[in-house]
Amino acid sequence: MDGKAKELATTLVELLAKKDALSRLLIGIYGIPASGKSTFADLLYKYTNELLQHDPSNTARAILVSLDGWHLTRAQLDQLPDPKLARDRRGIHWTFDGPSYLQFIQSLREEILPDTTRIITAPSFDHAIKDPTPHAVQIHPYHRLVIIEGLYTALNLDCWRDAALLLDERWYLKLDIEEAQRRLVRRHLVSGVAKDYDEAVWRAEENDMPNGRFLLENTLEPTRIIPSVEDPASVLALPLSDIPSQQ
């Protein structure tokens, strides 16, 4: 995905140049689990900023925001009607704070006035405590290009739809469901999240893939489709040939 990220970083800089100087360019990166959203968004952010920094006359910068920051906390999940179901399904759209995410996107759409525009903050997700960290990301007026990465940035449902329609670009990382399943099983095994193959399959089938299928059934039309291709340099240690095929 490295080469594609470099290519599309140039596209983003060109799109930003066409925007009004008082507005932002907002890009959503989405796809089913294991499609490489985070890796691709990180590369895109890196190469876009490199291009912007090479132009001394351009003071604009890019920033990357992850939708994971809008996860409901575990304490909030416990307040839902079925706390066990909420924890088991953590990652489905209703375990996120969708209204707060919409407010964030709406704030990014406000006109940028360098002398008066406030710093906009976004949460991030702390994997150590397994909960969001409020106000962890700061979006300054010079952050005129905002990349938002996450499963539901193009979800065609309720407030998620309203937020998605405010984005300039919706880029979809396309990946076959069967391939996603194999990547997820491998990820769970290598990371140690699952103790064995059967548990890795269970985790993929009971949480990750239902969310992926839900997304595919309820998504807005993308403005660009990007095939998800694993970069050989980033492939995990366990080869796909070592993952048994599903019967």
C-alpha atoms as a PDB file:
ATOM      1  CA  MET A   1       0.000   0.000   0.000  1.00  0.00           C
ATOM      2  CA  ASP A   2       3.035   2.251   0.279  1.00  0.00           C
ATOM      3  CA  GLY A   3       3.127   3.143  -3.408  1.00  0.00           C
ATOM      4  CA  LYS A   4      -0.609   3.841  -3.516  1.00  0.00           C
ATOM      5  CA  ALA A   5      -0.339   6.069  -0.458  1.00  0.00           C
ATOM      6  CA  LYS A   6       2.408   8.115  -2.116  1.00  0.00           C
ATOM      7  CA  GLU A   7       0.332   8.486  -5.271  1.00  0.00           C
ATOM      8  CA  LEU A   8      -2.796   9.550  -3.424  1.00  0.00           C
ATOM      9  CA  ALA A   9      -0.872  11.963  -1.182  1.00  0.00           C
ATOM     10  CA  THR A  10      -0.202  13.945  -4.352  1.00  0.00           C
ATOM     11  CA  THR A  11      -3.919  13.783  -5.153  1.00  0.00           C
ATOM     12  CA  LEU A  12      -4.775  15.195  -1.717  1.00  0.00           C
ATOM     13  CA  VAL A  13      -2.364  18.103  -2.073  1.00  0.00           C
ATOM     14  CA  GLU A  14      -3.923  18.894  -5.449  1.00  0.00           C
ATOM     15  CA  LEU A  15      -7.438  18.723  -3.999  1.00  0.00           C
ATOM     16  CA  LEU A  16      -6.440  20.972  -1.106  1.00  0.00           C
ATOM     17  CA  ALA A  17      -5.096  23.569  -3.544  1.00  0.00           C
ATOM     18  CA  LYS A  18      -8.577  23.805  -5.066  1.00  0.00           C
ATOM     19  CA  LYS A  19     -10.279  24.440  -1.736  1.00  0.00           C
ATOM     20  CA  ASP A  20     -11.117  27.890  -0.434  1.00  0.00           C
ATOM     21  CA  ALA A  21      -8.307  29.114   1.834  1.00  0.00           C
ATOM     22  CA  LEU A  22     -10.723  29.383   4.768  1.00  0.00           C
ATOM     23  CA  SER A  23     -11.972  25.797   4.576  1.00  0.00           C
ATOM     24  CA  ARG A  24     -10.659  22.307   5.236  1.00  0.00           C
ATOM     25  CA  LEU A  25     -10.374  19.206   3.084  1.00  0.00           C
ATOM     26  CA  LEU A  26     -11.892  16.229   4.932  1.00  0.00           C
ATOM     27  CA  ILE A  27     -11.161  12.634   3.869  1.00  0.00           C
ATOM     28  CA  GLY A  28     -12.699   9.501   5.339  1.00  0.00           C
ATOM     29  CA  ILE A  29     -10.812   6.204   5.030  1.00  0.00           C
ATOM     30  CA  TYR A  30     -12.954   3.123   5.615  1.00  0.00           C
ATOM     31  CA  GLY A  31     -13.231  -0.583   4.908  1.00  0.00           C
ATOM     32  CA  ILE A  32     -14.076  -3.860   6.591  1.00  0.00           C
ATOM     33  CA  PRO A  33     -11.867  -5.209   9.407  1.00  0.00           C
ATOM     34  CA  ALA A  34      -8.368  -6.242   8.244  1.00  0.00           C
ATOM     35  CA  SER A  35      -8.554  -4.101   5.101  1.00  0.00           C
ATOM     36  CA  GLY A  36      -5.575  -2.055   6.293  1.00  0.00           C
ATOM     37  CA  LYS A  37      -7.344   1.214   7.122  1.00  0.00           C
ATOM     38  CA  SER A  38      -4.973   2.268   9.897  1.00  0.00           C
ATOM     39  CA  THR A  39      -1.789   1.354   8.019  1.00  0.00           C
ATOM     40  CA  PHE A  40      -2.911   3.071   4.834  1.00  0.00           C
ATOM     41  CA  ALA A  41      -4.125   6.190   6.671  1.00  0.00           C
ATOM     42  CA  ASP A  42      -0.801   6.454   8.530  1.00  0.00           C
ATOM     43  CA  LEU A  43       1.127   6.271   5.236  1.00  0.00           C
ATOM     44  CA  LEU A  44      -1.185   8.749   3.540  1.00  0.00           C
ATOM     45  CA  TYR A  45      -0.797  11.193   6.432  1.00  0.00           C
ATOM     46  CA  LYS A  46       2.996  10.836   6.385  1.00  0.00           C
ATOM     47  CA  TYR A  47       3.437  11.345   2.644  1.00  0.00           C
ATOM     48  CA  THR A  48       0.908  14.175   2.440  1.00  0.00           C
ATOM     49  CA  ASN A  49       2.712  16.164   5.129  1.00  0.00           C
ATOM     50  CA  GLU A  50       6.052  15.517   3.446  1.00  0.00           C
ATOM     51  CA  LEU A  51       4.713  17.050   0.231  1.00  0.00           C
ATOM     52  CA  LEU A  52       3.220  20.034   2.050  1.00  0.00           C
ATOM     53  CA  GLN A  53       6.447  20.683   3.961  1.00  0.00           C
ATOM     54  CA  HIS A  54       8.492  20.683   0.750  1.00  0.00           C
ATOM     55  CA  ASP A  55       6.593  23.780  -0.402  1.00  0.00           C
ATOM     56  CA  PRO A  56       7.856  26.760   1.678  1.00  0.00           C
ATOM     57  CA  SER A  57       4.885  28.857   0.586  1.00  0.00           C
ATOM     58  CA  ASN A  58       2.380  26.320   1.895  1.00  0.00           C
ATOM     59  CA  THR A  59       1.683  26.572   5.620  1.00  0.00           C
ATOM     60  CA  ALA A  60      -1.129  24.008   5.577  1.00  0.00           C
ATOM     61  CA  ARG A  61      -0.589  20.669   7.269  1.00  0.00           C
ATOM     62  CA  ALA A  62      -2.419  17.349   7.447  1.00  0.00           C
ATOM     63  CA  ILE A  63      -3.551  15.592  10.597  1.00  0.00           C
ATOM     64  CA  LEU A  64      -4.844  12.074  11.191  1.00  0.00           C
ATOM     65  CA  VAL A  65      -7.781  11.260  13.462  1.00  0.00           C
ATOM     66  CA  SER A  66      -9.020   7.757  14.318  1.00  0.00           C
ATOM     67  CA  LEU A  67     -12.670   7.000  14.832  1.00  0.00           C
ATOM     68  CA  ASP A  68     -11.632   4.668  17.667  1.00  0.00           C
ATOM     69  CA  GLY A  69     -11.537   7.681  19.968  1.00  0.00           C
ATOM     70  CA  TRP A  70     -15.343   7.780  19.896  1.00  0.00           C
ATOM     71  CA  HIS A  71     -15.728   4.320  21.426  1.00  0.00           C
ATOM     72  CA  LEU A  72     -18.040   4.383  24.419  1.00  0.00           C
ATOM     73  CA  THR A  73     -16.101   3.777  27.604  1.00  0.00           C
ATOM     74  CA  ARG A  74     -16.511   0.472  29.404  1.00  0.00           C
ATOM     75  CA  ALA A  75     -18.412   2.341  32.124  1.00  0.00           C
ATOM     76  CA  GLN A  76     -20.810   3.698  29.500  1.00  0.00           C
ATOM     77  CA  LEU A  77     -21.264   0.233  28.002  1.00  0.00           C
ATOM     78  CA  ASP A  78     -22.263  -0.998  31.447  1.00  0.00           C
ATOM     79  CA  GLN A  79     -25.094   1.547  31.476  1.00  0.00           C
ATOM     80  CA  LEU A  80     -26.669   0.156  28.298  1.00  0.00           C
ATOM     81  CA  PRO A  81     -29.732  -2.140  28.536  1.00  0.00           C
ATOM     82  CA  ASP A  82     -27.633  -5.278  27.938  1.00  0.00           C
ATOM     83  CA  PRO A  83     -24.100  -4.607  29.265  1.00  0.00           C
ATOM     84  CA  LYS A  84     -22.806  -8.085  28.393  1.00  0.00           C
ATOM     85  CA  LEU A  85     -23.994  -7.813  24.804  1.00  0.00           C
ATOM     86  CA  ALA A  86     -22.517  -4.306  24.583  1.00  0.00           C
ATOM     87  CA  ARG A  87     -19.100  -5.532  25.734  1.00  0.00           C
ATOM     88  CA  ASP A  88     -19.235  -8.614  23.509  1.00  0.00           C
ATOM     89  CA  ARG A  89     -20.150  -6.506  20.482  1.00  0.00           C
ATOM     90  CA  ARG A  90     -17.848  -3.586  21.258  1.00  0.00           C
ATOM     91  CA  GLY A  91     -16.915  -2.214  17.854  1.00  0.00           C
ATOM     92  CA  ILE A  92     -20.397  -2.229  16.297  1.00  0.00           C
ATOM     93  CA  HIS A  93     -21.707   1.270  15.498  1.00  0.00           C
ATOM     94  CA  TRP A  94     -24.002   1.554  18.522  1.00  0.00           C
ATOM     95  CA  THR A  95     -21.023   1.116  20.873  1.00  0.00           C
ATOM     96  CA  PHE A  96     -19.639   4.455  19.604  1.00  0.00           C
ATOM     97  CA  ASP A  97     -20.680   8.014  20.478  1.00  0.00           C
ATOM     98  CA  GLY A  98     -22.053   8.859  17.043  1.00  0.00           C
ATOM     99  CA  PRO A  99     -23.634  12.237  17.972  1.00  0.00           C
ATOM    100  CA  SER A 100     -20.345  13.481  19.429  1.00  0.00           C
ATOM    101  CA  TYR A 101     -18.496  12.377  16.290  1.00  0.00           C
ATOM    102  CA  LEU A 102     -21.005  14.289  14.128  1.00  0.00           C
ATOM    103  CA  GLN A 103     -20.443  17.428  16.210  1.00  0.00           C
ATOM    104  CA  PHE A 104     -16.708  17.046  15.646  1.00  0.00           C
ATOM    105  CA  ILE A 105     -17.126  16.829  11.861  1.00  0.00           C
ATOM    106  CA  GLN A 106     -19.479  19.814  11.894  1.00  0.00           C
ATOM    107  CA  SER A 107     -16.879  21.856  13.775  1.00  0.00           C
ATOM    108  CA  LEU A 108     -14.278  21.019  11.111  1.00  0.00           C
ATOM    109  CA  ARG A 109     -16.638  22.461   8.512  1.00  0.00           C
ATOM    110  CA  GLU A 110     -16.663  25.879  10.159  1.00  0.00           C
ATOM    111  CA  GLU A 111     -14.793  28.669   8.375  1.00  0.00           C
ATOM    112  CA  ILE A 112     -11.137  28.979   9.424  1.00  0.00           C
ATOM    113  CA  LEU A 113     -10.300  32.455  10.711  1.00  0.00           C
ATOM    114  CA  PRO A 114      -6.635  32.372  11.860  1.00  0.00           C
ATOM    115  CA  ASP A 115      -7.026  35.032  14.538  1.00  0.00           C
ATOM    116  CA  THR A 116     -10.225  33.704  16.091  1.00  0.00           C
ATOM    117  CA  THR A 117     -10.641  30.039  15.151  1.00  0.00           C
ATOM    118  CA  ARG A 118     -10.389  27.845  18.225  1.00  0.00           C
ATOM    119  CA  ILE A 119      -8.338  24.683  18.451  1.00  0.00           C
ATOM    120  CA  ILE A 120     -10.639  21.706  17.869  1.00  0.00           C
ATOM    121  CA  THR A 121      -9.917  18.592  19.893  1.00  0.00           C
ATOM    122  CA  ALA A 122     -10.623  14.921  19.235  1.00  0.00           C
ATOM    123  CA  PRO A 123     -10.331  11.871  21.470  1.00  0.00           C
ATOM    124  CA  SER A 124      -7.994   8.945  20.889  1.00  0.00           C
ATOM    125  CA  PHE A 125      -8.135   5.365  22.129  1.00  0.00           C
ATOM    126  CA  ASP A 126      -5.730   4.162  24.825  1.00  0.00           C
ATOM    127  CA  HIS A 127      -5.204   0.436  24.305  1.00  0.00           C
ATOM    128  CA  ALA A 128      -3.482   0.134  27.677  1.00  0.00           C
ATOM    129  CA  ILE A 129      -6.622   1.130  29.573  1.00  0.00           C
ATOM    130  CA  LYS A 130      -8.995  -0.051  26.811  1.00  0.00           C
ATOM    131  CA  ASP A 131     -10.874   3.253  26.851  1.00  0.00           C
ATOM    132  CA  PRO A 132     -10.851   6.573  24.994  1.00  0.00           C
ATOM    133  CA  THR A 133      -8.729   9.528  26.050  1.00  0.00           C
ATOM    134  CA  PRO A 134     -10.656  12.827  25.646  1.00  0.00           C
ATOM    135  CA  HIS A 135      -9.079  15.842  23.887  1.00  0.00           C
ATOM    136  CA  ALA A 136      -5.945  13.855  22.971  1.00  0.00           C
ATOM    137  CA  VAL A 137      -5.681  15.252  19.417  1.00  0.00           C
ATOM    138  CA  GLN A 138      -5.506  18.976  18.645  1.00  0.00           C
ATOM    139  CA  ILE A 139      -6.591  20.321  15.267  1.00  0.00           C
ATOM    140  CA  HIS A 140      -5.140  23.791  14.732  1.00  0.00           C
ATOM    141  CA  PRO A 141      -6.212  26.305  12.071  1.00  0.00           C
ATOM    142  CA  TYR A 142      -3.216  25.291   9.943  1.00  0.00           C
ATOM    143  CA  HIS A 143      -4.513  21.709   9.851  1.00  0.00           C
ATOM    144  CA  ARG A 144      -6.456  22.255   6.668  1.00  0.00           C
ATOM    145  CA  LEU A 145      -6.366  18.620   5.620  1.00  0.00           C
ATOM    146  CA  VAL A 146      -7.959  16.138   8.019  1.00  0.00           C
ATOM    147  CA  ILE A 147      -7.805  12.389   7.410  1.00  0.00           C
ATOM    148  CA  ILE A 148     -10.364  10.445   9.442  1.00  0.00           C
ATOM    149  CA  GLU A 149      -9.860   6.687   9.594  1.00  0.00           C
ATOM    150  CA  GLY A 150     -12.428   4.223  10.854  1.00  0.00           C
ATOM    151  CA  LEU A 151     -14.975   1.549  10.123  1.00  0.00           C
ATOM    152  CA  TYR A 152     -18.011   3.850  10.080  1.00  0.00           C
ATOM    153  CA  THR A 153     -16.804   7.038   8.379  1.00  0.00           C
ATOM    154  CA  ALA A 154     -19.149   6.305   5.446  1.00  0.00           C
ATOM    155  CA  LEU A 155     -21.960   4.541   7.297  1.00  0.00           C
ATOM    156  CA  ASN A 156     -25.360   5.269   5.739  1.00  0.00           C
ATOM    157  CA  LEU A 157     -27.289   5.385   9.003  1.00  0.00           C
ATOM    158  CA  ASP A 158     -28.598   8.126  11.306  1.00  0.00           C
ATOM    159  CA  CYS A 159     -26.008  10.683  12.467  1.00  0.00           C
ATOM    160  CA  TRP A 160     -23.227   8.684  10.797  1.00  0.00           C
ATOM    161  CA  ARG A 161     -24.759   9.488   7.412  1.00  0.00           C
ATOM    162  CA  ASP A 162     -24.911  13.187   8.277  1.00  0.00           C
ATOM    163  CA  ALA A 163     -21.221  13.142   9.188  1.00  0.00           C
ATOM    164  CA  ALA A 164     -20.209  11.151   6.097  1.00  0.00           C
ATOM    165  CA  LEU A 165     -21.995  13.579   3.772  1.00  0.00           C
ATOM    166  CA  LEU A 166     -19.916  16.440   5.224  1.00  0.00           C
ATOM    167  CA  LEU A 167     -16.695  14.781   4.048  1.00  0.00           C
ATOM    168  CA  ASP A 168     -15.110  15.872   0.765  1.00  0.00           C
ATOM    169  CA  GLU A 169     -13.847  12.361   0.025  1.00  0.00           C
ATOM    170  CA  ARG A 170     -14.889   8.871   1.102  1.00  0.00           C
ATOM    171  CA  TRP A 171     -12.132   6.377   0.221  1.00  0.00           C
ATOM    172  CA  TYR A 172     -12.992   2.703   0.491  1.00  0.00           C
ATOM    173  CA  LEU A 173     -10.304   0.056   0.964  1.00  0.00           C
ATOM    174  CA  LYS A 174     -11.816  -2.933  -0.818  1.00  0.00           C
ATOM    175  CA  LEU A 175     -11.098  -6.427   0.477  1.00  0.00           C
ATOM    176  CA  ASP A 176     -12.781  -9.784  -0.100  1.00  0.00           C
ATOM    177  CA  ILE A 177     -14.609 -11.121   2.972  1.00  0.00           C
ATOM    178  CA  GLU A 178     -12.804 -14.473   2.862  1.00  0.00           C
ATOM    179  CA  GLU A 179      -9.397 -12.799   2.665  1.00  0.00           C
ATOM    180  CA  ALA A 180     -10.340 -10.493   5.538  1.00  0.00           C
ATOM    181  CA  GLN A 181     -11.247 -13.534   7.634  1.00  0.00           C
ATOM    182  CA  ARG A 182      -7.860 -15.139   7.005  1.00  0.00           C
ATOM    183  CA  ARG A 183      -5.996 -11.927   7.833  1.00  0.00           C
ATOM    184  CA  LEU A 184      -7.959 -11.562  11.067  1.00  0.00           C
ATOM    185  CA  VAL A 185      -7.274 -15.124  12.169  1.00  0.00           C
ATOM    186  CA  ARG A 186      -3.581 -14.621  11.484  1.00  0.00           C
ATOM    187  CA  ARG A 187      -3.582 -11.297  13.343  1.00  0.00           C
ATOM    188  CA  HIS A 188      -5.239 -12.805  16.410  1.00  0.00           C
ATOM    189  CA  LEU A 189      -2.756 -15.697  16.457  1.00  0.00           C
ATOM    190  CA  VAL A 190       0.386 -13.600  15.986  1.00  0.00           C
ATOM    191  CA  SER A 191      -0.678 -10.923  18.479  1.00  0.00           C
ATOM    192  CA  GLY A 192      -1.525 -13.504  21.115  1.00  0.00           C
ATOM    193  CA  VAL A 193      -5.090 -12.232  21.470  1.00  0.00           C
ATOM    194  CA  ALA A 194      -6.227 -15.784  20.735  1.00  0.00           C
ATOM    195  CA  LYS A 195      -4.566 -18.768  22.415  1.00  0.00           C
ATOM    196  CA  ASP A 196      -5.183 -21.100  19.466  1.00  0.00           C
ATOM    197  CA  TYR A 197      -6.643 -21.336  15.976  1.00  0.00           C
ATOM    198  CA  ASP A 198     -10.186 -22.145  17.132  1.00  0.00           C
ATOM    199  CA  GLU A 199     -10.336 -19.099  19.394  1.00  0.00           C
ATOM    200  CA  ALA A 200      -8.906 -16.903  16.625  1.00  0.00           C
ATOM    201  CA  VAL A 201     -11.645 -18.071  14.251  1.00  0.00           C
ATOM    202  CA  TRP A 202     -14.291 -17.484  16.922  1.00  0.00           C
ATOM    203  CA  ARG A 203     -13.103 -13.930  17.504  1.00  0.00           C
ATOM    204  CA  ALA A 204     -13.115 -13.182  13.785  1.00  0.00           C
ATOM    205  CA  GLU A 205     -16.529 -14.728  13.166  1.00  0.00           C
ATOM    206  CA  GLU A 206     -18.347 -13.438  16.249  1.00  0.00           C
ATOM    207  CA  ASN A 207     -17.229  -9.802  16.240  1.00  0.00           C
ATOM    208  CA  ASP A 208     -15.015  -8.597  13.398  1.00  0.00           C
ATOM    209  CA  MET A 209     -16.806 -10.064  10.406  1.00  0.00           C
ATOM    210  CA  PRO A 210     -20.390  -9.278  11.524  1.00  0.00           C
ATOM    211  CA  ASN A 211     -19.281  -5.650  11.766  1.00  0.00           C
ATOM    212  CA  GLY A 212     -17.725  -5.882   8.315  1.00  0.00           C
ATOM    213  CA  ARG A 213     -20.842  -7.383   6.739  1.00  0.00           C
ATOM    214  CA  PHE A 214     -22.993  -4.757   8.423  1.00  0.00           C
ATOM    215  CA  LEU A 215     -20.787  -2.050   6.953  1.00  0.00           C
ATOM    216  CA  LEU A 216     -21.023  -3.481   3.439  1.00  0.00           C
ATOM    217  CA  GLU A 217     -24.812  -3.550   3.696  1.00  0.00           C
ATOM    218  CA  ASN A 218     -25.088   0.018   5.034  1.00  0.00           C
ATOM    219  CA  THR A 219     -22.500   2.229   3.376  1.00  0.00           C
ATOM    220  CA  LEU A 220     -22.644   5.324   1.219  1.00  0.00           C
ATOM    221  CA  GLU A 221     -21.155   5.318  -2.264  1.00  0.00           C
ATOM    222  CA  PRO A 222     -17.389   5.863  -2.045  1.00  0.00           C
ATOM    223  CA  THR A 223     -15.725   8.624  -4.006  1.00  0.00           C
ATOM    224  CA  ARG A 224     -12.729   6.344  -4.585  1.00  0.00           C
ATOM    225  CA  ILE A 225     -12.161   2.578  -4.309  1.00  0.00           C
ATOM    226  CA  ILE A 226      -8.662   1.398  -3.365  1.00  0.00           C
ATOM    227  CA  PRO A 227      -7.821  -2.323  -3.558  1.00  0.00           C
ATOM    228  CA  SER A 228      -6.412  -3.530  -0.245  1.00  0.00           C
ATOM    229  CA  VAL A 229      -3.050  -5.115  -1.002  1.00  0.00           C
ATOM    230  CA  GLU A 230      -0.729  -6.134   1.797  1.00  0.00           C
ATOM    231  CA  ASP A 231       2.732  -4.656   1.575  1.00  0.00           C
ATOM    232  CA  PRO A 232       5.286  -7.519   1.775  1.00  0.00           C
ATOM    233  CA  ALA A 233       7.354  -5.427   4.188  1.00  0.00           C
ATOM    234  CA  SER A 234       4.477  -5.276   6.661  1.00  0.00           C
ATOM    235  CA  VAL A 235       3.231  -8.856   6.506  1.00  0.00           C
ATOM    236  CA  LEU A 236       3.072 -10.514   9.902  1.00  0.00           C
ATOM    237  CA  ALA A 237       5.392 -13.370  10.762  1.00  0.00           C
ATOM    238  CA  LEU A 238       2.848 -16.156  10.279  1.00  0.00           C
ATOM    239  CA  PRO A 239       2.402 -16.847   6.539  1.00  0.00           C
ATOM    240  CA  LEU A 240      -1.075 -17.252   5.118  1.00  0.00           C
ATOM    241  CA  SER A 241      -0.172 -20.779   4.066  1.00  0.00           C
ATOM    242  CA  ASP A 242      -0.052 -21.711   7.747  1.00  0.00           C
ATOM    243  CA  ILE A 243      -3.677 -20.669   8.272  1.00  0.00           C
ATOM    244  CA  PRO A 244      -6.049 -23.606   7.681  1.00  0.00           C
ATOM    245  CA  SER A 245      -8.792 -22.978   5.126  1.00  0.00           C
ATOM    246  CA  GLN A 246     -12.377 -22.782   6.308  1.00  0.00           C
ATOM    247  CA  GLN A 247     -14.382 -25.920   5.492  1.00  0.00           C
END
